[in-house]
């Protein structure tokens, strides 16, 4: 598992949250749910759409990427 950054956000597909836990005590897992959204003006901005649980959707952004680890 490696930290999510702007440089490696394109190749990562599965993610684990560092703080949030599931009901059984394991780390919250999420998977990519689309293409990474990048900004043309602000080069350090990105958003990775992810899905976790049965119906929950969210984005991993440059602000929240410190709380996530990813793998290919």
Protein backbone atom coordinates (compact mmCIF):
# COMPACT_ATOMS: atom_id res chain seq x y z
CA UNK A 1 0.00 0.00 0.00
CA UNK A 2 1.26 3.46 -0.85
CA UNK A 3 0.04 6.96 -0.08
CA UNK A 4 -2.20 8.61 -2.67
CA UNK A 5 -0.51 11.56 -4.40
CA UNK A 6 -1.00 13.56 -7.59
CA UNK A 7 1.81 11.59 -9.27
CA UNK A 8 0.38 8.11 -8.65
CA UNK A 9 -3.38 8.84 -8.64
CA UNK A 10 -3.86 7.57 -12.22
CA UNK A 11 -2.59 4.04 -11.61
CA UNK A 12 -4.24 3.22 -8.25
CA UNK A 13 -7.54 1.31 -8.28
CA UNK A 14 -8.18 0.09 -4.72
CA UNK A 15 -7.97 2.21 -1.60
CA UNK A 16 -8.05 1.80 2.20
CA UNK A 17 -8.87 4.58 4.66
CA UNK A 18 -6.35 5.02 7.46
CA UNK A 19 -8.80 6.18 10.16
CA UNK A 20 -12.31 4.93 9.25
CA UNK A 21 -13.19 1.34 10.18
CA UNK A 22 -15.88 -1.11 9.11
CA UNK A 23 -18.26 -2.72 11.62
CA UNK A 24 -15.93 -5.73 11.96
CA UNK A 25 -12.93 -3.49 12.76
CA UNK A 26 -11.16 -3.74 9.41
CA UNK A 27 -10.13 -0.63 7.51
CA UNK A 28 -12.70 0.95 5.18
CA UNK A 29 -12.05 -0.23 1.62
CA UNK A 30 -13.04 1.62 -1.56
CA UNK A 31 -12.60 1.05 -5.27
CA UNK A 32 -12.25 3.42 -8.20
CA UNK A 33 -15.56 4.31 -9.79
CA UNK A 34 -14.44 6.31 -12.82
CA UNK A 35 -11.74 8.42 -14.41
CA UNK A 36 -9.54 10.74 -12.34
CA UNK A 37 -10.65 14.36 -12.67
CA UNK A 38 -7.78 16.84 -12.96
CA UNK A 39 -7.69 20.61 -13.18
CA UNK A 40 -6.02 22.37 -16.11
CA UNK A 41 -5.40 25.56 -14.13
CA UNK A 42 -4.34 24.14 -10.78
CA UNK A 43 -1.91 21.32 -11.53
CA UNK A 44 -1.95 19.91 -7.99
CA UNK A 45 -5.75 19.44 -7.88
CA UNK A 46 -7.31 16.05 -8.58
CA UNK A 47 -10.40 14.05 -7.63
CA UNK A 48 -10.73 10.26 -7.77
CA UNK A 49 -14.35 9.01 -7.71
CA UNK A 50 -14.67 5.99 -5.40
CA UNK A 51 -17.41 3.63 -4.25
CA UNK A 52 -17.57 1.92 -0.86
CA UNK A 53 -20.24 -0.11 0.86
CA UNK A 54 -23.40 -0.90 -1.07
CA UNK A 55 -24.54 2.57 -2.10
CA UNK A 56 -21.94 5.08 -0.85
CA UNK A 57 -19.95 7.25 -3.28
CA UNK A 58 -17.29 9.87 -2.63
CA UNK A 59 -14.16 11.52 -4.00
CA UNK A 60 -10.56 11.32 -2.90
CA UNK A 61 -9.16 14.82 -3.43
CA UNK A 62 -5.86 16.56 -2.79
CA UNK A 63 -7.25 17.57 0.64
CA UNK A 64 -8.29 14.07 1.73
CA UNK A 65 -5.55 12.01 0.06
CA UNK A 66 -3.45 11.95 3.25
CA UNK A 67 -6.10 9.73 4.86
CA UNK A 68 -6.03 7.11 2.08
CA UNK A 69 -3.61 4.44 0.93
CA UNK A 70 -3.89 2.78 -2.47
CA UNK A 71 -2.78 -0.22 -4.52
CA UNK A 72 -2.99 -1.16 -8.18
